[in-house]
PDB file of N, CA and C in Angstrom:
ATOM      1  N   MET A   1      -8.562 -15.791 -29.126  1.00  0.00           N
ATOM      2  CA  MET A   1      -8.466 -14.729 -28.095  1.00  0.00           C
ATOM      3  C   MET A   1      -8.783 -15.630 -26.907  1.00  0.00           C
ATOM      4  N   ALA A   2      -8.170 -15.563 -25.771  1.00  0.00           N
ATOM      5  CA  ALA A   2      -8.857 -15.652 -24.338  1.00  0.00           C
ATOM      6  C   ALA A   2      -9.189 -14.332 -23.684  1.00  0.00           C
ATOM      7  N   PRO A   3     -10.074 -14.382 -22.932  1.00  0.00           N
ATOM      8  CA  PRO A   3     -10.421 -12.728 -22.849  1.00  0.00           C
ATOM      9  C   PRO A   3      -9.317 -12.489 -21.049  1.00  0.00           C
ATOM     10  N   ILE A   4      -9.435 -11.279 -20.897  1.00  0.00           N
ATOM     11  CA  ILE A   4      -8.138 -10.314 -19.873  1.00  0.00           C
ATOM     12  C   ILE A   4      -8.458 -11.019 -18.725  1.00  0.00           C
ATOM     13  N   PRO A   5      -8.472 -11.294 -17.832  1.00  0.00           N
ATOM     14  CA  PRO A   5      -8.602 -11.780 -15.647  1.00  0.00           C
ATOM     15  C   PRO A   5      -9.586 -10.164 -15.709  1.00  0.00           C
ATOM     16  N   THR A   6     -10.081 -10.086 -15.268  1.00  0.00           N
ATOM     17  CA  THR A   6     -10.290  -8.720 -13.717  1.00  0.00           C
ATOM     18  C   THR A   6      -9.616  -9.130 -12.546  1.00  0.00           C
ATOM     19  N   PRO A   7      -8.513  -8.283 -12.340  1.00  0.00           N
ATOM     20  CA  PRO A   7      -7.992  -7.984 -10.909  1.00  0.00           C
ATOM     21  C   PRO A   7      -8.904  -8.369  -9.914  1.00  0.00           C
ATOM     22  N   PRO A   8      -9.145  -8.213  -9.069  1.00  0.00           N
ATOM     23  CA  PRO A   8      -9.863  -8.752  -7.448  1.00  0.00           C
ATOM     24  C   PRO A   8     -10.303  -6.933  -7.053  1.00  0.00           C
ATOM     25  N   ALA A   9     -10.314  -6.466  -6.905  1.00  0.00           N
ATOM     26  CA  ALA A   9     -10.576  -5.618  -6.521  1.00  0.00           C
ATOM     27  C   ALA A   9     -10.213  -4.794  -4.951  1.00  0.00           C
ATOM     28  N   ASP A  10      -9.599  -3.988  -4.914  1.00  0.00           N
ATOM     29  CA  ASP A  10      -8.452  -3.225  -3.499  1.00  0.00           C
ATOM     30  C   ASP A  10      -9.824  -3.783  -2.085  1.00  0.00           C
ATOM     31  N   PRO A  11      -9.335  -3.817  -1.311  1.00  0.00           N
ATOM     32  CA  PRO A  11     -10.342  -3.779  -0.016  1.00  0.00           C
ATOM     33  C   PRO A  11     -10.074  -2.787   0.003  1.00  0.00           C
ATOM     34  N   GLN A  12     -12.119  -2.080   0.705  1.00  0.00           N
ATOM     35  CA  GLN A  12     -12.394  -0.617   0.919  1.00  0.00           C
ATOM     36  C   GLN A  12     -12.142  -0.540   2.036  1.00  0.00           C
ATOM     37  N   ASP A  13     -10.687   0.567   1.697  1.00  0.00           N
ATOM     38  CA  ASP A  13     -10.230   1.052   2.679  1.00  0.00           C
ATOM     39  C   ASP A  13      -9.480   2.436   2.001  1.00  0.00           C
ATOM     40  N   ALA A  14      -9.514   3.434   3.067  1.00  0.00           N
ATOM     41  CA  ALA A  14      -8.486   4.678   2.688  1.00  0.00           C
ATOM     42  C   ALA A  14      -6.809   4.636   3.533  1.00  0.00           C
ATOM     43  N   PRO A  15      -6.429   4.934   2.510  1.00  0.00           N
ATOM     44  CA  PRO A  15      -5.199   5.023   2.844  1.00  0.00           C
ATOM     45  C   PRO A  15      -4.698   6.326   3.199  1.00  0.00           C
ATOM     46  N   ASP A  16      -5.088   7.193   3.919  1.00  0.00           N
ATOM     47  CA  ASP A  16      -4.851   8.676   4.241  1.00  0.00           C
ATOM     48  C   ASP A  16      -4.981   7.738   6.013  1.00  0.00           C
ATOM     49  N   ALA A  17      -5.447   6.921   5.991  1.00  0.00           N
ATOM     50  CA  ALA A  17      -6.198   6.640   7.768  1.00  0.00           C
ATOM     51  C   ALA A  17      -4.424   5.561   8.225  1.00  0.00           C
ATOM     52  N   TYR A  18      -3.320   5.510   7.357  1.00  0.00           N
ATOM     53  CA  TYR A  18      -2.527   4.793   8.038  1.00  0.00           C
ATOM     54  C   TYR A  18      -1.938   5.952   8.537  1.00  0.00           C
ATOM     55  N   VAL A  19      -1.689   7.732   7.496  1.00  0.00           N
ATOM     56  CA  VAL A  19      -0.336   8.341   7.847  1.00  0.00           C
ATOM     57  C   VAL A  19      -0.492   8.810   9.655  1.00  0.00           C
ATOM     58  N   GLY A  20       0.849   8.798  10.084  1.00  0.00           N
ATOM     59  CA  GLY A  20       0.840   9.347  11.036  1.00  0.00           C
ATOM     60  C   GLY A  20       0.902   8.113  11.945  1.00  0.00           C
ATOM     61  N   LEU A  21       0.478   6.173  11.742  1.00  0.00           N
ATOM     62  CA  LEU A  21       1.003   5.412  12.445  1.00  0.00           C
ATOM     63  C   LEU A  21       2.243   4.744  12.354  1.00  0.00           C
ATOM     64  N   ASP A  22       2.454   4.511  13.363  1.00  0.00           N
ATOM     65  CA  ASP A  22       4.204   3.897  13.200  1.00  0.00           C
ATOM     66  C   ASP A  22       4.135   2.472  12.292  1.00  0.00           C
ATOM     67  N   VAL A  23       4.799   1.911  11.566  1.00  0.00           N
ATOM     68  CA  VAL A  23       5.222   1.304  10.115  1.00  0.00           C
ATOM     69  C   VAL A  23       4.642  -0.684  10.079  1.00  0.00           C
ATOM     70  N   ALA A  24       5.475  -1.128  11.428  1.00  0.00           N
ATOM     71  CA  ALA A  24       4.899  -1.921  11.687  1.00  0.00           C
ATOM     72  C   ALA A  24       2.951  -1.846  12.131  1.00  0.00           C
ATOM     73  N   GLY A  25       2.649  -1.328  13.027  1.00  0.00           N
ATOM     74  CA  GLY A  25       1.363  -1.658  13.045  1.00  0.00           C
ATOM     75  C   GLY A  25       0.937  -0.872  11.908  1.00  0.00           C
ATOM     76  N   ALA A  26       1.292  -0.269  10.715  1.00  0.00           N
ATOM     77  CA  ALA A  26       0.000   0.291   9.931  1.00  0.00           C
ATOM     78  C   ALA A  26       0.563  -1.083   9.016  1.00  0.00           C
ATOM     79  N   GLU A  27       1.365  -1.563   9.158  1.00  0.00           N
ATOM     80  CA  GLU A  27       1.586  -2.903   7.823  1.00  0.00           C
ATOM     81  C   GLU A  27       0.716  -4.371   8.432  1.00  0.00           C
ATOM     82  N   ARG A  28       1.033  -3.845   9.893  1.00  0.00           N
ATOM     83  CA  ARG A  28       0.073  -5.171  10.461  1.00  0.00           C
ATOM     84  C   ARG A  28      -1.521  -4.848   9.864  1.00  0.00           C
ATOM     85  N   LEU A  29      -1.529  -3.913  10.056  1.00  0.00           N
ATOM     86  CA  LEU A  29      -3.478  -2.947   9.740  1.00  0.00           C
ATOM     87  C   LEU A  29      -3.841  -3.112   8.608  1.00  0.00           C
ATOM     88  N   ALA A  30      -2.891  -2.572   7.458  1.00  0.00           N
ATOM     89  CA  ALA A  30      -3.284  -3.322   5.997  1.00  0.00           C
ATOM     90  C   ALA A  30      -3.575  -4.499   5.903  1.00  0.00           C
ATOM     91  N   ARG A  31      -2.943  -5.353   6.004  1.00  0.00           N
ATOM     92  CA  ARG A  31      -2.651  -7.224   5.673  1.00  0.00           C
ATOM     93  C   ARG A  31      -4.088  -7.738   6.563  1.00  0.00           C
ATOM     94  N   GLU A  32      -3.961  -6.640   7.663  1.00  0.00           N
ATOM     95  CA  GLU A  32      -5.854  -7.461   8.232  1.00  0.00           C
ATOM     96  C   GLU A  32      -6.814  -7.057   7.652  1.00  0.00           C
ATOM     97  N   ARG A  33      -6.678  -6.227   6.578  1.00  0.00           N
ATOM     98  CA  ARG A  33      -7.645  -5.270   6.209  1.00  0.00           C
ATOM     99  C   ARG A  33      -7.791  -5.596   4.285  1.00  0.00           C
ATOM    100  N   GLY A  34      -6.796  -6.629   4.108  1.00  0.00           N
ATOM    101  CA  GLY A  34      -6.981  -7.484   2.717  1.00  0.00           C
ATOM    102  C   GLY A  34      -5.920  -7.271   1.639  1.00  0.00           C
ATOM    103  N   TRP A  35      -5.088  -6.220   2.361  1.00  0.00           N
ATOM    104  CA  TRP A  35      -4.292  -5.669   1.281  1.00  0.00           C
ATOM    105  C   TRP A  35      -2.938  -7.078   1.462  1.00  0.00           C
ATOM    106  N   SER A  36      -2.672  -7.275  -0.258  1.00  0.00           N
ATOM    107  CA  SER A  36      -1.711  -8.689  -0.333  1.00  0.00           C
ATOM    108  C   SER A  36      -0.976  -8.298  -0.473  1.00  0.00           C
ATOM    109  N   THR A  37      -0.373  -6.766  -0.978  1.00  0.00           N
ATOM    110  CA  THR A  37       1.148  -6.452  -0.644  1.00  0.00           C
ATOM    111  C   THR A  37       0.642  -5.062  -0.218  1.00  0.00           C
ATOM    112  N   VAL A  38       2.277  -5.217   1.237  1.00  0.00           N
ATOM    113  CA  VAL A  38       2.672  -3.665   1.861  1.00  0.00           C
ATOM    114  C   VAL A  38       3.514  -3.438   1.649  1.00  0.00           C
ATOM    115  N   ARG A  39       4.447  -2.143   0.908  1.00  0.00           N
ATOM    116  CA  ARG A  39       5.834  -1.964   0.643  1.00  0.00           C
ATOM    117  C   ARG A  39       5.747  -0.722   1.298  1.00  0.00           C
ATOM    118  N   SER A  40       6.508  -0.813   2.496  1.00  0.00           N
ATOM    119  CA  SER A  40       7.063   0.599   2.690  1.00  0.00           C
ATOM    120  C   SER A  40       8.419   1.148   2.512  1.00  0.00           C
ATOM    121  N   LEU A  41       8.465   2.653   2.023  1.00  0.00           N
ATOM    122  CA  LEU A  41       9.779   2.950   1.187  1.00  0.00           C
ATOM    123  C   LEU A  41      10.370   4.465   1.719  1.00  0.00           C
ATOM    124  N   PRO A  42      11.703   4.544   1.988  1.00  0.00           N
ATOM    125  CA  PRO A  42      11.710   5.524   2.514  1.00  0.00           C
ATOM    126  C   PRO A  42      11.440   7.332   1.758  1.00  0.00           C
ATOM    127  N   PRO A  43      11.353   8.385   1.844  1.00  0.00           N
ATOM    128  CA  PRO A  43      10.718   9.602   1.496  1.00  0.00           C
ATOM    129  C   PRO A  43      12.179   9.495   0.183  1.00  0.00           C
ATOM    130  N   GLY A  44      11.422   9.812  -0.790  1.00  0.00           N
ATOM    131  CA  GLY A  44      12.260  10.253  -2.409  1.00  0.00           C
ATOM    132  C   GLY A  44      12.232   8.876  -2.754  1.00  0.00           C
ATOM    133  N   ALA A  45      12.165   7.602  -2.274  1.00  0.00           N
ATOM    134  CA  ALA A  45      13.150   6.550  -3.251  1.00  0.00           C
ATOM    135  C   ALA A  45      12.003   5.772  -4.443  1.00  0.00           C
ATOM    136  N   MET A  46      13.493   6.021  -5.825  1.00  0.00           N
ATOM    137  CA  MET A  46      13.018   5.299  -7.298  1.00  0.00           C
ATOM    138  C   MET A  46      11.883   4.066  -7.018  1.00  0.00           C
ATOM    139  N   VAL A  47      11.051   4.233  -7.794  1.00  0.00           N
ATOM    140  CA  VAL A  47       9.888   2.976  -7.436  1.00  0.00           C
ATOM    141  C   VAL A  47       9.141   2.871  -9.218  1.00  0.00           C
ATOM    142  N   THR A  48       9.403   2.443  -9.699  1.00  0.00           N
ATOM    143  CA  THR A  48       8.589   1.796 -11.308  1.00  0.00           C
ATOM    144  C   THR A  48       7.048   1.858 -10.681  1.00  0.00           C
ATOM    145  N   MET A  49       6.930   2.632 -12.220  1.00  0.00           N
ATOM    146  CA  MET A  49       5.044   3.034 -12.142  1.00  0.00           C
ATOM    147  C   MET A  49       4.039   2.095 -12.607  1.00  0.00           C
ATOM    148  N   GLU A  50       4.616   0.922 -12.131  1.00  0.00           N
ATOM    149  CA  GLU A  50       3.538  -0.038 -12.836  1.00  0.00           C
ATOM    150  C   GLU A  50       2.401   0.110 -11.282  1.00  0.00           C
ATOM    151  N   PHE A  51       1.044  -0.345 -11.718  1.00  0.00           N
ATOM    152  CA  PHE A  51       0.030  -0.557 -10.901  1.00  0.00           C
ATOM    153  C   PHE A  51       0.059  -1.682 -10.489  1.00  0.00           C
ATOM    154  N   ARG A  52       0.191  -2.118  -9.737  1.00  0.00           N
ATOM    155  CA  ARG A  52      -0.132  -3.706  -9.123  1.00  0.00           C
ATOM    156  C   ARG A  52      -1.604  -3.302  -7.892  1.00  0.00           C
ATOM    157  N   SER A  53      -2.489  -3.792  -8.329  1.00  0.00           N
ATOM    158  CA  SER A  53      -4.312  -4.372  -7.639  1.00  0.00           C
ATOM    159  C   SER A  53      -3.313  -4.821  -6.399  1.00  0.00           C
ATOM    160  N   GLY A  54      -4.110  -4.349  -5.086  1.00  0.00           N
ATOM    161  CA  GLY A  54      -3.939  -5.429  -3.852  1.00  0.00           C
ATOM    162  C   GLY A  54      -2.573  -4.910  -3.280  1.00  0.00           C
ATOM    163  N   ARG A  55      -1.996  -3.898  -3.378  1.00  0.00           N
ATOM    164  CA  ARG A  55      -0.863  -3.301  -3.054  1.00  0.00           C
ATOM    165  C   ARG A  55      -0.777  -1.768  -2.392  1.00  0.00           C
ATOM    166  N   LEU A  56      -0.280  -1.951  -1.098  1.00  0.00           N
ATOM    167  CA  LEU A  56      -0.351  -0.575  -0.539  1.00  0.00           C
ATOM    168  C   LEU A  56       0.870   0.239  -0.260  1.00  0.00           C
ATOM    169  N   ASN A  57       1.381   1.495  -0.386  1.00  0.00           N
ATOM    170  CA  ASN A  57       2.684   1.299  -0.175  1.00  0.00           C
ATOM    171  C   ASN A  57       2.576   2.766   0.556  1.00  0.00           C
ATOM    172  N   PHE A  58       3.597   2.672   1.757  1.00  0.00           N
ATOM    173  CA  PHE A  58       3.932   3.887   2.507  1.00  0.00           C
ATOM    174  C   PHE A  58       5.307   4.472   2.299  1.00  0.00           C
ATOM    175  N   GLU A  59       5.155   5.775   2.598  1.00  0.00           N
ATOM    176  CA  GLU A  59       6.221   5.879   2.693  1.00  0.00           C
ATOM    177  C   GLU A  59       6.588   6.850   4.074  1.00  0.00           C
ATOM    178  N   VAL A  60       7.560   6.063   4.207  1.00  0.00           N
ATOM    179  CA  VAL A  60       7.761   5.944   6.299  1.00  0.00           C
ATOM    180  C   VAL A  60       8.566   6.730   6.340  1.00  0.00           C
ATOM    181  N   SER A  61       9.066   7.475   7.249  1.00  0.00           N
ATOM    182  CA  SER A  61      10.814   8.797   7.875  1.00  0.00           C
ATOM    183  C   SER A  61      10.285   7.806   9.725  1.00  0.00           C
ATOM    184  N   ASP A  62      11.308   8.375  10.132  1.00  0.00           N
ATOM    185  CA  ASP A  62      11.609   7.962  11.382  1.00  0.00           C
ATOM    186  C   ASP A  62      10.314   7.096  11.521  1.00  0.00           C
ATOM    187  N   GLY A  63      10.490   6.391  10.928  1.00  0.00           N
ATOM    188  CA  GLY A  63       9.060   5.145  11.833  1.00  0.00           C
ATOM    189  C   GLY A  63       7.924   4.946  11.740  1.00  0.00           C
ATOM    190  N   THR A  64       7.546   6.389  10.749  1.00  0.00           N
ATOM    191  CA  THR A  64       6.101   6.778  10.788  1.00  0.00           C
ATOM    192  C   THR A  64       5.514   7.233   9.525  1.00  0.00           C
ATOM    193  N   VAL A  65       4.832   6.337   9.133  1.00  0.00           N
ATOM    194  CA  VAL A  65       4.360   6.708   7.667  1.00  0.00           C
ATOM    195  C   VAL A  65       3.560   8.013   7.825  1.00  0.00           C
ATOM    196  N   GLN A  66       4.461   8.996   6.673  1.00  0.00           N
ATOM    197  CA  GLN A  66       4.325   9.923   5.471  1.00  0.00           C
ATOM    198  C   GLN A  66       2.853  10.430   4.663  1.00  0.00           C
ATOM    199  N   ARG A  67       3.237   9.305   3.864  1.00  0.00           N
ATOM    200  CA  ARG A  67       2.191   9.103   2.861  1.00  0.00           C
ATOM    201  C   ARG A  67       1.664   7.961   2.407  1.00  0.00           C
ATOM    202  N   CYS A  68       0.830   7.543   2.005  1.00  0.00           N
ATOM    203  CA  CYS A  68       0.119   6.336   1.411  1.00  0.00           C
ATOM    204  C   CYS A  68      -0.749   6.494   0.254  1.00  0.00           C
ATOM    205  N   TRP A  69      -0.120   4.923  -0.453  1.00  0.00           N
ATOM    206  CA  TRP A  69      -1.661   5.241  -2.107  1.00  0.00           C
ATOM    207  C   TRP A  69      -0.974   3.963  -2.297  1.00  0.00           C
ATOM    208  N   LYS A  70      -2.398   3.898  -3.111  1.00  0.00           N
ATOM    209  CA  LYS A  70      -2.515   2.380  -3.456  1.00  0.00           C
ATOM    210  C   LYS A  70      -2.087   2.161  -5.205  1.00  0.00           C
ATOM    211  N   GLY A  71      -1.208   1.218  -4.818  1.00  0.00           N
ATOM    212  CA  GLY A  71      -0.922   0.259  -6.376  1.00  0.00           C
ATOM    213  C   GLY A  71       0.835   0.254  -6.637  1.00  0.00           C
TER     214      GLY A  71
END
């Protein structure tokens, strides 16, 4: 049986640092810091629960990041 590959490590970045930023600036900053996928969602959006290494999620209201989490 083949070994299970180890996913790459997430960037050493604090998700709370994005809260309060405008969404365009937050997305640009996240990509500069090494996040491979950046996802912006409206408040209360239905999302799947799978964890994806390298993904950063933003909950955005009125163009501002209200909440941020990995995966």
